[in-house]
Amino acid sequence: MSQSAFDPFGEPVPAIDQSVASTRASQWLKTAGTSVFWVLVVGIVLARAAYFEPGVFSFDNALAWAQGLFAAL
């Protein structure tokens, strides 16, 4: 026999039969959420690859920006 569970106010919580509880909905939500996450990851990576401009992130530009920042301080 399982132990009784109590809510924060001390009232007994009825036990739920595991055969009655449906896990299909939670499994579907987990699969849907995982799929949406990976579709977004792939979309962002592909968009960054498509719109990448090599000259924007050059070391010379970063060095000039850092020198300008230190000169301003």
PDB file of N, CA and C in Angstrom:
ATOM      1  N   MET A   1       0.838  -1.176   0.000  1.00  0.00           N
ATOM      2  CA  MET A   1       0.000   0.000   0.000  1.00  0.00           C
ATOM      3  C   MET A   1       0.882   1.238   0.000  1.00  0.00           C
ATOM      4  N   SER A   2       0.515   2.221  -0.795  1.00  0.00           N
ATOM      5  CA  SER A   2       1.324   3.433  -0.899  1.00  0.00           C
ATOM      6  C   SER A   2       1.025   4.368   0.269  1.00  0.00           C
ATOM      7  N   GLN A   3       1.974   5.232   0.551  1.00  0.00           N
ATOM      8  CA  GLN A   3       1.792   6.213   1.618  1.00  0.00           C
ATOM      9  C   GLN A   3       0.858   7.319   1.144  1.00  0.00           C
ATOM     10  N   SER A   4       0.134   7.883   2.070  1.00  0.00           N
ATOM     11  CA  SER A   4      -0.777   8.973   1.731  1.00  0.00           C
ATOM     12  C   SER A   4       0.025  10.245   1.499  1.00  0.00           C
ATOM     13  N   ALA A   5      -0.412  11.027   0.526  1.00  0.00           N
ATOM     14  CA  ALA A   5       0.226  12.308   0.242  1.00  0.00           C
ATOM     15  C   ALA A   5      -0.670  13.424   0.768  1.00  0.00           C
ATOM     16  N   PHE A   6      -0.043  14.517   1.193  1.00  0.00           N
ATOM     17  CA  PHE A   6      -0.794  15.638   1.750  1.00  0.00           C
ATOM     18  C   PHE A   6      -0.392  16.921   1.034  1.00  0.00           C
ATOM     19  N   ASP A   7      -1.364  17.810   0.806  1.00  0.00           N
ATOM     20  CA  ASP A   7      -1.061  19.105   0.198  1.00  0.00           C
ATOM     21  C   ASP A   7      -0.499  20.037   1.279  1.00  0.00           C
ATOM     22  N   PRO A   8      -0.062  21.258   0.907  1.00  0.00           N
ATOM     23  CA  PRO A   8       0.556  22.163   1.884  1.00  0.00           C
ATOM     24  C   PRO A   8      -0.342  22.534   3.062  1.00  0.00           C
ATOM     25  N   PHE A   9      -1.651  22.375   2.930  1.00  0.00           N
ATOM     26  CA  PHE A   9      -2.567  22.734   4.007  1.00  0.00           C
ATOM     27  C   PHE A   9      -2.944  21.536   4.868  1.00  0.00           C
ATOM     28  N   GLY A  10      -2.358  20.378   4.600  1.00  0.00           N
ATOM     29  CA  GLY A  10      -2.594  19.201   5.413  1.00  0.00           C
ATOM     30  C   GLY A  10      -3.739  18.325   4.957  1.00  0.00           C
ATOM     31  N   GLU A  11      -4.375  18.669   3.861  1.00  0.00           N
ATOM     32  CA  GLU A  11      -5.468  17.857   3.345  1.00  0.00           C
ATOM     33  C   GLU A  11      -4.902  16.669   2.580  1.00  0.00           C
ATOM     34  N   PRO A  12      -5.500  15.509   2.712  1.00  0.00           N
ATOM     35  CA  PRO A  12      -4.999  14.344   1.970  1.00  0.00           C
ATOM     36  C   PRO A  12      -5.248  14.516   0.467  1.00  0.00           C
ATOM     37  N   VAL A  13      -4.274  14.076  -0.323  1.00  0.00           N
ATOM     38  CA  VAL A  13      -4.361  14.132  -1.782  1.00  0.00           C
ATOM     39  C   VAL A  13      -4.693  12.729  -2.263  1.00  0.00           C
ATOM     40  N   PRO A  14      -5.756  12.567  -3.038  1.00  0.00           N
ATOM     41  CA  PRO A  14      -6.099  11.218  -3.508  1.00  0.00           C
ATOM     42  C   PRO A  14      -5.036  10.682  -4.465  1.00  0.00           C
ATOM     43  N   ALA A  15      -4.753   9.404  -4.337  1.00  0.00           N
ATOM     44  CA  ALA A  15      -3.759   8.755  -5.199  1.00  0.00           C
ATOM     45  C   ALA A  15      -4.331   8.596  -6.606  1.00  0.00           C
ATOM     46  N   ILE A  16      -3.471   8.739  -7.591  1.00  0.00           N
ATOM     47  CA  ILE A  16      -3.878   8.593  -8.985  1.00  0.00           C
ATOM     48  C   ILE A  16      -3.384   7.245  -9.482  1.00  0.00           C
ATOM     49  N   ASP A  17      -4.258   6.492 -10.061  1.00  0.00           N
ATOM     50  CA  ASP A  17      -3.890   5.196 -10.612  1.00  0.00           C
ATOM     51  C   ASP A  17      -3.069   5.428 -11.877  1.00  0.00           C
ATOM     52  N   GLN A  18      -1.894   4.833 -11.959  1.00  0.00           N
ATOM     53  CA  GLN A  18      -1.002   5.054 -13.099  1.00  0.00           C
ATOM     54  C   GLN A  18      -1.589   4.522 -14.400  1.00  0.00           C
ATOM     55  N   SER A  19      -2.447   3.517 -14.330  1.00  0.00           N
ATOM     56  CA  SER A  19      -3.042   3.003 -15.560  1.00  0.00           C
ATOM     57  C   SER A  19      -4.064   3.981 -16.132  1.00  0.00           C
ATOM     58  N   VAL A  20      -4.632   4.841 -15.278  1.00  0.00           N
ATOM     59  CA  VAL A  20      -5.623   5.815 -15.722  1.00  0.00           C
ATOM     60  C   VAL A  20      -4.942   7.067 -16.270  1.00  0.00           C
ATOM     61  N   ALA A  21      -3.808   7.446 -15.675  1.00  0.00           N
ATOM     62  CA  ALA A  21      -3.115   8.665 -16.098  1.00  0.00           C
ATOM     63  C   ALA A  21      -2.559   8.475 -17.507  1.00  0.00           C
ATOM     64  N   SER A  22      -2.861   9.425 -18.362  1.00  0.00           N
ATOM     65  CA  SER A  22      -2.416   9.340 -19.748  1.00  0.00           C
ATOM     66  C   SER A  22      -1.086  10.055 -19.914  1.00  0.00           C
ATOM     67  N   THR A  23      -0.128   9.359 -20.500  1.00  0.00           N
ATOM     68  CA  THR A  23       1.175   9.978 -20.771  1.00  0.00           C
ATOM     69  C   THR A  23       1.341  10.303 -22.247  1.00  0.00           C
ATOM     70  N   ARG A  24       0.311   9.967 -23.043  1.00  0.00           N
ATOM     71  CA  ARG A  24       0.415  10.248 -24.467  1.00  0.00           C
ATOM     72  C   ARG A  24       0.511  11.732 -24.744  1.00  0.00           C
ATOM     73  N   ALA A  25      -0.270  12.534 -24.043  1.00  0.00           N
ATOM     74  CA  ALA A  25      -0.266  13.975 -24.281  1.00  0.00           C
ATOM     75  C   ALA A  25       1.085  14.569 -23.915  1.00  0.00           C
ATOM     76  N   SER A  26       1.659  14.162 -22.791  1.00  0.00           N
ATOM     77  CA  SER A  26       2.949  14.715 -22.401  1.00  0.00           C
ATOM     78  C   SER A  26       4.040  14.261 -23.356  1.00  0.00           C
ATOM     79  N   GLN A  27       3.970  13.036 -23.832  1.00  0.00           N
ATOM     80  CA  GLN A  27       4.961  12.554 -24.804  1.00  0.00           C
ATOM     81  C   GLN A  27       4.838  13.339 -26.110  1.00  0.00           C
ATOM     82  N   TRP A  28       3.595  13.615 -26.523  1.00  0.00           N
ATOM     83  CA  TRP A  28       3.388  14.387 -27.746  1.00  0.00           C
ATOM     84  C   TRP A  28       3.934  15.804 -27.581  1.00  0.00           C
ATOM     85  N   LEU A  29       3.680  16.437 -26.428  1.00  0.00           N
ATOM     86  CA  LEU A  29       4.179  17.789 -26.180  1.00  0.00           C
ATOM     87  C   LEU A  29       5.703  17.822 -26.138  1.00  0.00           C
ATOM     88  N   LYS A  30       6.302  16.805 -25.551  1.00  0.00           N
ATOM     89  CA  LYS A  30       7.764  16.732 -25.503  1.00  0.00           C
ATOM     90  C   LYS A  30       8.335  16.612 -26.914  1.00  0.00           C
ATOM     91  N   THR A  31       7.746  15.756 -27.724  1.00  0.00           N
ATOM     92  CA  THR A  31       8.211  15.582 -29.107  1.00  0.00           C
ATOM     93  C   THR A  31       8.006  16.864 -29.912  1.00  0.00           C
ATOM     94  N   ALA A  32       6.861  17.507 -29.744  1.00  0.00           N
ATOM     95  CA  ALA A  32       6.585  18.744 -30.478  1.00  0.00           C
ATOM     96  C   ALA A  32       7.547  19.855 -30.056  1.00  0.00           C
ATOM     97  N   GLY A  33       7.773  19.993 -28.757  1.00  0.00           N
ATOM     98  CA  GLY A  33       8.691  21.021 -28.274  1.00  0.00           C
ATOM     99  C   GLY A  33      10.118  20.798 -28.744  1.00  0.00           C
ATOM    100  N   THR A  34      10.564  19.551 -28.708  1.00  0.00           N
ATOM    101  CA  THR A  34      11.914  19.227 -29.188  1.00  0.00           C
ATOM    102  C   THR A  34      12.035  19.515 -30.680  1.00  0.00           C
ATOM    103  N   SER A  35      11.012  19.164 -31.429  1.00  0.00           N
ATOM    104  CA  SER A  35      11.035  19.412 -32.880  1.00  0.00           C
ATOM    105  C   SER A  35      11.080  20.901 -33.190  1.00  0.00           C
ATOM    106  N   VAL A  36      10.277  21.688 -32.493  1.00  0.00           N
ATOM    107  CA  VAL A  36      10.274  23.144 -32.713  1.00  0.00           C
ATOM    108  C   VAL A  36      11.640  23.728 -32.372  1.00  0.00           C
ATOM    109  N   PHE A  37      12.230  23.276 -31.281  1.00  0.00           N
ATOM    110  CA  PHE A  37      13.557  23.772 -30.889  1.00  0.00           C
ATOM    111  C   PHE A  37      14.580  23.512 -31.980  1.00  0.00           C
ATOM    112  N   TRP A  38      14.654  22.274 -32.473  1.00  0.00           N
ATOM    113  CA  TRP A  38      15.676  21.951 -33.467  1.00  0.00           C
ATOM    114  C   TRP A  38      15.390  22.604 -34.821  1.00  0.00           C
ATOM    115  N   VAL A  39      14.133  22.801 -35.165  1.00  0.00           N
ATOM    116  CA  VAL A  39      13.825  23.533 -36.401  1.00  0.00           C
ATOM    117  C   VAL A  39      14.311  24.971 -36.286  1.00  0.00           C
ATOM    118  N   LEU A  40      14.125  25.589 -35.119  1.00  0.00           N
ATOM    119  CA  LEU A  40      14.629  26.950 -34.909  1.00  0.00           C
ATOM    120  C   LEU A  40      16.151  26.993 -34.948  1.00  0.00           C
ATOM    121  N   VAL A  41      16.811  26.010 -34.352  1.00  0.00           N
ATOM    122  CA  VAL A  41      18.279  25.973 -34.371  1.00  0.00           C
ATOM    123  C   VAL A  41      18.783  25.884 -35.802  1.00  0.00           C
ATOM    124  N   VAL A  42      18.229  24.967 -36.575  1.00  0.00           N
ATOM    125  CA  VAL A  42      18.664  24.801 -37.965  1.00  0.00           C
ATOM    126  C   VAL A  42      18.360  26.060 -38.767  1.00  0.00           C
ATOM    127  N   GLY A  43      17.191  26.671 -38.552  1.00  0.00           N
ATOM    128  CA  GLY A  43      16.839  27.891 -39.280  1.00  0.00           C
ATOM    129  C   GLY A  43      17.783  29.041 -38.975  1.00  0.00           C
ATOM    130  N   ILE A  44      18.134  29.201 -37.705  1.00  0.00           N
ATOM    131  CA  ILE A  44      19.047  30.285 -37.327  1.00  0.00           C
ATOM    132  C   ILE A  44      20.433  30.054 -37.898  1.00  0.00           C
ATOM    133  N   VAL A  45      20.923  28.823 -37.826  1.00  0.00           N
ATOM    134  CA  VAL A  45      22.256  28.524 -38.363  1.00  0.00           C
ATOM    135  C   VAL A  45      22.281  28.734 -39.873  1.00  0.00           C
ATOM    136  N   LEU A  46      21.251  28.290 -40.567  1.00  0.00           N
ATOM    137  CA  LEU A  46      21.208  28.488 -42.020  1.00  0.00           C
ATOM    138  C   LEU A  46      21.092  29.968 -42.392  1.00  0.00           C
ATOM    139  N   ALA A  47      20.314  30.726 -41.646  1.00  0.00           N
ATOM    140  CA  ALA A  47      20.187  32.159 -41.925  1.00  0.00           C
ATOM    141  C   ALA A  47      21.510  32.875 -41.679  1.00  0.00           C
ATOM    142  N   ARG A  48      22.205  32.496 -40.616  1.00  0.00           N
ATOM    143  CA  ARG A  48      23.505  33.121 -40.358  1.00  0.00           C
ATOM    144  C   ARG A  48      24.505  32.766 -41.453  1.00  0.00           C
ATOM    145  N   ALA A  49      24.451  31.538 -41.946  1.00  0.00           N
ATOM    146  CA  ALA A  49      25.358  31.133 -43.025  1.00  0.00           C
ATOM    147  C   ALA A  49      25.013  31.861 -44.325  1.00  0.00           C
ATOM    148  N   ALA A  50      23.739  32.071 -44.573  1.00  0.00           N
ATOM    149  CA  ALA A  50      23.329  32.717 -45.822  1.00  0.00           C
ATOM    150  C   ALA A  50      23.658  34.201 -45.835  1.00  0.00           C
ATOM    151  N   TYR A  51      23.535  34.873 -44.696  1.00  0.00           N
ATOM    152  CA  TYR A  51      23.736  36.318 -44.641  1.00  0.00           C
ATOM    153  C   TYR A  51      25.067  36.719 -44.028  1.00  0.00           C
ATOM    154  N   PHE A  52      26.011  35.789 -43.914  1.00  0.00           N
ATOM    155  CA  PHE A  52      27.301  36.082 -43.312  1.00  0.00           C
ATOM    156  C   PHE A  52      28.138  36.939 -44.253  1.00  0.00           C
ATOM    157  N   GLU A  53      28.703  38.012 -43.726  1.00  0.00           N
ATOM    158  CA  GLU A  53      29.605  38.870 -44.484  1.00  0.00           C
ATOM    159  C   GLU A  53      30.983  38.757 -43.859  1.00  0.00           C
ATOM    160  N   PRO A  54      31.948  38.170 -44.556  1.00  0.00           N
ATOM    161  CA  PRO A  54      33.251  37.918 -43.956  1.00  0.00           C
ATOM    162  C   PRO A  54      33.994  39.181 -43.526  1.00  0.00           C
ATOM    163  N   GLY A  55      33.816  40.281 -44.227  1.00  0.00           N
ATOM    164  CA  GLY A  55      34.560  41.488 -43.904  1.00  0.00           C
ATOM    165  C   GLY A  55      34.099  42.173 -42.630  1.00  0.00           C
ATOM    166  N   VAL A  56      32.905  41.903 -42.190  1.00  0.00           N
ATOM    167  CA  VAL A  56      32.354  42.596 -41.027  1.00  0.00           C
ATOM    168  C   VAL A  56      33.052  42.166 -39.746  1.00  0.00           C
ATOM    169  N   PHE A  57      33.428  40.904 -39.635  1.00  0.00           N
ATOM    170  CA  PHE A  57      34.020  40.377 -38.421  1.00  0.00           C
ATOM    171  C   PHE A  57      35.525  40.169 -38.537  1.00  0.00           C
ATOM    172  N   SER A  58      36.194  41.041 -39.257  1.00  0.00           N
ATOM    173  CA  SER A  58      37.639  40.882 -39.406  1.00  0.00           C
ATOM    174  C   SER A  58      38.360  41.345 -38.147  1.00  0.00           C
ATOM    175  N   PHE A  59      39.560  40.853 -37.960  1.00  0.00           N
ATOM    176  CA  PHE A  59      40.351  41.204 -36.784  1.00  0.00           C
ATOM    177  C   PHE A  59      40.727  42.674 -36.796  1.00  0.00           C
ATOM    178  N   ASP A  60      40.978  43.241 -37.965  1.00  0.00           N
ATOM    179  CA  ASP A  60      41.359  44.652 -38.059  1.00  0.00           C
ATOM    180  C   ASP A  60      40.223  45.564 -37.575  1.00  0.00           C
ATOM    181  N   ASN A  61      39.000  45.243 -37.955  1.00  0.00           N
ATOM    182  CA  ASN A  61      37.865  46.043 -37.486  1.00  0.00           C
ATOM    183  C   ASN A  61      37.692  45.922 -35.972  1.00  0.00           C
ATOM    184  N   ALA A  62      37.878  44.734 -35.435  1.00  0.00           N
ATOM    185  CA  ALA A  62      37.751  44.536 -33.992  1.00  0.00           C
ATOM    186  C   ALA A  62      38.850  45.288 -33.256  1.00  0.00           C
ATOM    187  N   LEU A  63      40.052  45.279 -33.783  1.00  0.00           N
ATOM    188  CA  LEU A  63      41.167  45.990 -33.163  1.00  0.00           C
ATOM    189  C   LEU A  63      40.930  47.500 -33.198  1.00  0.00           C
ATOM    190  N   ALA A  64      40.435  48.013 -34.307  1.00  0.00           N
ATOM    191  CA  ALA A  64      40.147  49.440 -34.411  1.00  0.00           C
ATOM    192  C   ALA A  64      39.035  49.830 -33.450  1.00  0.00           C
ATOM    193  N   TRP A  65      38.031  48.992 -33.285  1.00  0.00           N
ATOM    194  CA  TRP A  65      36.946  49.273 -32.350  1.00  0.00           C
ATOM    195  C   TRP A  65      37.470  49.297 -30.911  1.00  0.00           C
ATOM    196  N   ALA A  66      38.347  48.339 -30.576  1.00  0.00           N
ATOM    197  CA  ALA A  66      38.902  48.293 -29.214  1.00  0.00           C
ATOM    198  C   ALA A  66      39.785  49.510 -28.950  1.00  0.00           C
ATOM    199  N   GLN A  67      40.561  49.923 -29.946  1.00  0.00           N
ATOM    200  CA  GLN A  67      41.412  51.110 -29.767  1.00  0.00           C
ATOM    201  C   GLN A  67      40.543  52.354 -29.596  1.00  0.00           C
ATOM    202  N   GLY A  68      39.465  52.456 -30.338  1.00  0.00           N
ATOM    203  CA  GLY A  68      38.568  53.581 -30.191  1.00  0.00           C
ATOM    204  C   GLY A  68      37.892  53.582 -28.824  1.00  0.00           C
ATOM    205  N   LEU A  69      37.567  52.404 -28.317  1.00  0.00           N
ATOM    206  CA  LEU A  69      36.964  52.303 -26.989  1.00  0.00           C
ATOM    207  C   LEU A  69      37.949  52.730 -25.908  1.00  0.00           C
ATOM    208  N   PHE A  70      39.188  52.259 -26.010  1.00  0.00           N
ATOM    209  CA  PHE A  70      40.200  52.653 -25.009  1.00  0.00           C
ATOM    210  C   PHE A  70      40.557  54.140 -25.100  1.00  0.00           C
ATOM    211  N   ALA A  71      40.486  54.690 -26.317  1.00  0.00           N
ATOM    212  CA  ALA A  71      40.772  56.115 -26.480  1.00  0.00           C
ATOM    213  C   ALA A  71      39.659  56.956 -25.852  1.00  0.00           C
ATOM    214  N   ALA A  72      38.443  56.451 -25.894  1.00  0.00           N
ATOM    215  CA  ALA A  72      37.323  57.179 -25.317  1.00  0.00           C
ATOM    216  C   ALA A  72      37.370  57.166 -23.787  1.00  0.00           C
ATOM    217  N   LEU A  73      37.959  56.137 -23.228  1.00  0.00           N
ATOM    218  CA  LEU A  73      38.047  56.049 -21.765  1.00  0.00           C
ATOM    219  C   LEU A  73      39.154  56.931 -21.278  1.00  0.00           C
TER     220      LEU A  73
END
